[in-house]
Amino acid sequence: MRNRRDVITAIRTIMCSAHRNNIDRTQIMWLLTDENKRNLARQIATGRNGGRLPKTAVTKLLTKHWAETKTYMEEAPRLTRQDGENLAEIVLTELEHSALNRLDKAIVSHAATLAGQYGTTRPAMPVRATTEALKRQGLNVSDMTVHRAIGRLCQRGEWLALAQRGSSSAKGGRANLYHLAPLLLADALAIRE
């Protein structure tokens, strides 16, 4: 991992998943402290300056994040497949009236289509596959043009926001996940009530 913030993000991601899947705190603590077998555990035990943290400090850190992620998961709305489908429908409707250029509209439309198809609010959008989808719509674009456009959209944060960075080192690679229209998600959640 690049820095301490990445380590904390990894800890919290694992813990949120554990809460969601009813995995016991003891199992997670064991996994996150098993330095012999887990690189993340070694990174957790290494402080900001590269020195070793005392075991009590590691336990205190993990206990703090366990409690915070538990509270977060209890308060956060659990998104369903229907939420993803509703959000996709809202985005496609709102997109018609947006001031986005043709390329940006096509990218957001593609993201919404994926969200609706897979019932998610965080579609995965590999650049190469997105470029091919846009070419099928008649846009003559390169991977780099699509990559830059997605970056611009994420920087603005209205229609797309980076949810989780992908990894080319993962087996077969893993695409970035994007929050689709984070500001419109509340509308999709309101539909369910």
Protein backbone atom coordinates (compact mmCIF):
# COMPACT_ATOMS: atom_id res chain seq x y z
CA MET A 1 0.00 0.00 0.00
CA ARG A 2 1.15 3.49 -0.70
CA ASN A 3 0.58 5.18 2.66
CA ARG A 4 -1.04 4.93 6.07
CA ARG A 5 -4.37 6.22 4.73
CA ASP A 6 -4.50 3.28 2.30
CA VAL A 7 -3.88 0.88 5.20
CA ILE A 8 -6.72 2.42 7.23
CA THR A 9 -9.02 2.30 4.18
CA ALA A 10 -8.22 -1.41 3.72
CA ILE A 11 -8.90 -2.08 7.42
CA ARG A 12 -12.25 -0.30 7.29
CA THR A 13 -13.27 -1.98 4.02
CA ILE A 14 -12.57 -5.42 5.49
CA MET A 15 -14.41 -4.55 8.68
CA CYS A 16 -17.47 -3.20 6.84
CA SER A 17 -17.59 -6.41 4.85
CA ALA A 18 -17.31 -8.42 8.06
CA HIS A 19 -20.20 -6.52 9.65
CA ARG A 20 -22.30 -6.98 6.51
CA ASN A 21 -21.62 -10.72 6.50
CA ASN A 22 -21.93 -11.25 10.27
CA ILE A 23 -18.31 -12.31 10.67
CA ASP A 24 -17.15 -12.39 14.27
CA ARG A 25 -14.84 -9.64 15.60
CA THR A 26 -12.39 -12.26 16.87
CA GLN A 27 -11.88 -13.70 13.38
CA ILE A 28 -11.24 -10.27 11.89
CA MET A 29 -8.80 -9.30 14.64
CA TRP A 30 -6.94 -12.56 14.10
CA LEU A 31 -6.74 -11.95 10.34
CA LEU A 32 -5.56 -8.36 10.76
CA THR A 33 -2.84 -9.29 13.26
CA ASP A 34 -1.47 -12.45 11.59
CA GLU A 35 1.81 -10.91 10.46
CA ASN A 36 3.31 -14.26 9.46
CA LYS A 37 0.80 -14.81 6.68
CA ARG A 38 -0.72 -11.42 5.87
CA ASN A 39 0.99 -8.43 4.35
CA LEU A 40 -1.78 -6.10 5.52
CA ALA A 41 -1.20 -7.22 9.13
CA ARG A 42 2.50 -6.32 8.77
CA GLN A 43 1.52 -2.92 7.37
CA ILE A 44 -0.93 -2.32 10.22
CA ALA A 45 1.83 -3.08 12.75
CA THR A 46 4.13 -0.54 11.10
CA GLY A 47 3.68 3.05 12.22
CA ARG A 48 3.81 6.22 10.12
CA ASN A 49 7.56 6.55 10.56
CA GLY A 50 8.25 2.93 9.62
CA GLY A 51 8.81 1.72 13.19
CA ARG A 52 6.96 -1.15 14.85
CA LEU A 53 3.84 -0.31 16.81
CA PRO A 54 3.37 -1.96 20.20
CA LYS A 55 0.73 -4.71 20.19
CA THR A 56 -1.45 -2.61 22.51
CA ALA A 57 -1.42 0.23 19.96
CA VAL A 58 -2.41 -2.18 17.15
CA THR A 59 -5.22 -3.60 19.30
CA LYS A 60 -6.41 -0.09 20.19
CA LEU A 61 -6.37 0.97 16.51
CA LEU A 62 -8.31 -2.10 15.35
CA THR A 63 -10.81 -1.86 18.21
CA LYS A 64 -11.47 1.81 17.41
CA HIS A 65 -12.09 1.09 13.71
CA TRP A 66 -14.22 -1.97 14.53
CA ALA A 67 -16.54 0.16 16.67
CA GLU A 68 -16.69 2.99 14.09
CA THR A 69 -17.41 0.68 11.17
CA LYS A 70 -20.06 -1.16 13.17
CA THR A 71 -21.85 2.14 13.86
CA TYR A 72 -21.48 3.17 10.22
CA MET A 73 -22.90 -0.11 8.92
CA GLU A 74 -25.84 0.02 11.33
CA GLU A 75 -26.73 3.56 10.24
CA ALA A 76 -25.99 3.21 6.51
CA PRO A 77 -28.93 2.18 4.33
CA ARG A 78 -28.42 -1.28 2.89
CA LEU A 79 -28.69 -0.88 -0.86
CA THR A 80 -30.64 -3.44 -2.86
CA ARG A 81 -30.72 -4.48 -6.49
CA GLN A 82 -33.92 -2.45 -6.83
CA ASP A 83 -32.07 0.65 -5.56
CA GLY A 84 -29.54 0.22 -8.38
CA GLU A 85 -32.29 -0.20 -10.96
CA ASN A 86 -34.17 2.86 -9.61
CA LEU A 87 -31.01 4.97 -9.64
CA ALA A 88 -30.26 3.95 -13.24
CA GLU A 89 -33.76 5.00 -14.30
CA ILE A 90 -33.48 8.36 -12.51
CA VAL A 91 -30.04 9.04 -14.02
CA LEU A 92 -31.18 8.24 -17.56
CA THR A 93 -34.17 10.58 -17.14
CA GLU A 94 -32.10 13.42 -15.63
CA LEU A 95 -29.36 12.95 -18.20
CA GLU A 96 -31.70 13.96 -21.03
CA HIS A 97 -31.95 17.46 -19.54
CA SER A 98 -28.31 17.85 -18.53
CA ALA A 99 -25.83 20.26 -20.08
CA LEU A 100 -23.17 17.55 -20.50
CA ASN A 101 -21.42 17.21 -23.84
CA ARG A 102 -22.16 14.19 -26.05
CA LEU A 103 -19.18 12.15 -24.85
CA ASP A 104 -19.87 12.73 -21.14
CA LYS A 105 -23.57 11.92 -21.62
CA ALA A 106 -22.65 8.69 -23.40
CA ILE A 107 -20.29 7.68 -20.57
CA VAL A 108 -22.86 8.41 -17.85
CA SER A 109 -25.55 6.66 -19.88
CA HIS A 110 -23.27 3.61 -20.19
CA ALA A 111 -22.66 3.67 -16.41
CA ALA A 112 -26.43 3.92 -15.76
CA THR A 113 -27.12 1.05 -18.16
CA LEU A 114 -24.58 -1.12 -16.32
CA ALA A 115 -26.05 -0.11 -12.95
CA GLY A 116 -29.54 -1.05 -14.11
CA GLN A 117 -28.37 -4.29 -15.69
CA TYR A 118 -26.48 -5.45 -12.59
CA GLY A 119 -28.69 -3.80 -9.97
CA THR A 120 -25.90 -1.78 -8.40
CA THR A 121 -25.20 1.84 -7.54
CA ARG A 122 -21.47 1.23 -8.10
CA PRO A 123 -20.91 -0.08 -11.62
CA ALA A 124 -17.50 -1.32 -12.75
CA MET A 125 -16.39 0.42 -15.93
CA PRO A 126 -13.21 -0.84 -17.56
CA VAL A 127 -11.98 1.89 -19.91
CA ARG A 128 -11.46 -0.48 -22.84
CA ALA A 129 -14.96 -1.97 -22.57
CA THR A 130 -16.46 1.51 -22.14
CA THR A 131 -14.64 2.71 -25.26
CA GLU A 132 -16.01 -0.23 -27.24
CA ALA A 133 -19.55 0.47 -25.99
CA LEU A 134 -19.24 4.12 -27.04
CA LYS A 135 -17.93 3.12 -30.47
CA ARG A 136 -21.02 0.94 -30.93
CA GLN A 137 -23.04 4.13 -30.28
CA GLY A 138 -21.21 5.85 -33.13
CA LEU A 139 -18.63 7.82 -31.13
CA ASN A 140 -15.10 7.69 -32.53
CA VAL A 141 -13.08 7.77 -29.29
CA SER A 142 -9.83 6.35 -27.97
CA ASP A 143 -9.21 4.67 -24.62
CA MET A 144 -7.26 7.75 -23.49
CA THR A 145 -10.12 10.11 -24.43
CA VAL A 146 -12.56 7.96 -22.44
CA HIS A 147 -10.14 7.70 -19.51
CA ARG A 148 -9.77 11.49 -19.37
CA ALA A 149 -13.53 12.06 -19.69
CA ILE A 150 -14.25 9.66 -16.83
CA GLY A 151 -11.62 11.47 -14.76
CA ARG A 152 -13.26 14.83 -15.50
CA LEU A 153 -16.68 13.51 -14.56
CA CYS A 154 -15.33 12.10 -11.30
CA GLN A 155 -13.57 15.35 -10.50
CA ARG A 156 -16.88 17.20 -10.77
CA GLY A 157 -18.58 14.47 -8.73
CA GLU A 158 -22.14 15.09 -9.90
CA TRP A 159 -22.59 12.14 -12.27
CA LEU A 160 -19.71 9.84 -11.30
CA ALA A 161 -17.35 9.52 -8.35
CA LEU A 162 -14.60 6.99 -7.86
CA ALA A 163 -15.81 4.41 -5.33
CA GLN A 164 -12.93 1.92 -5.48
CA ARG A 165 -9.77 1.97 -7.53
CA GLY A 166 -9.21 -1.14 -9.61
CA SER A 167 -6.01 -3.11 -9.88
CA SER A 168 -4.19 -4.41 -12.90
CA SER A 169 -2.21 -6.72 -10.61
CA ALA A 170 -5.28 -8.67 -9.49
CA LYS A 171 -5.81 -11.95 -11.30
CA GLY A 172 -7.36 -10.96 -14.61
CA GLY A 173 -7.33 -7.32 -13.50
CA ARG A 174 -10.08 -5.45 -11.72
CA ALA A 175 -11.80 -2.33 -13.04
CA ASN A 176 -12.50 0.82 -11.07
CA LEU A 177 -15.90 0.99 -9.40
CA TYR A 178 -17.79 4.27 -9.65
CA HIS A 179 -20.57 5.74 -7.55
CA LEU A 180 -23.28 6.57 -10.06
CA ALA A 181 -24.77 10.05 -9.57
CA PRO A 182 -24.07 10.28 -5.83
CA LEU A 183 -26.35 13.30 -5.48
CA LEU A 184 -29.30 11.47 -7.07
CA LEU A 185 -28.89 8.36 -4.92
CA ALA A 186 -31.10 9.91 -2.21
CA ASP A 187 -33.92 10.12 -4.78
CA ALA A 188 -33.49 6.43 -5.61
CA LEU A 189 -33.65 5.55 -1.90
CA ALA A 190 -36.77 7.72 -1.45
CA ILE A 191 -38.60 5.61 -4.06
CA ARG A 192 -38.36 2.55 -1.82
CA GLU A 193 -40.25 4.28 1.04
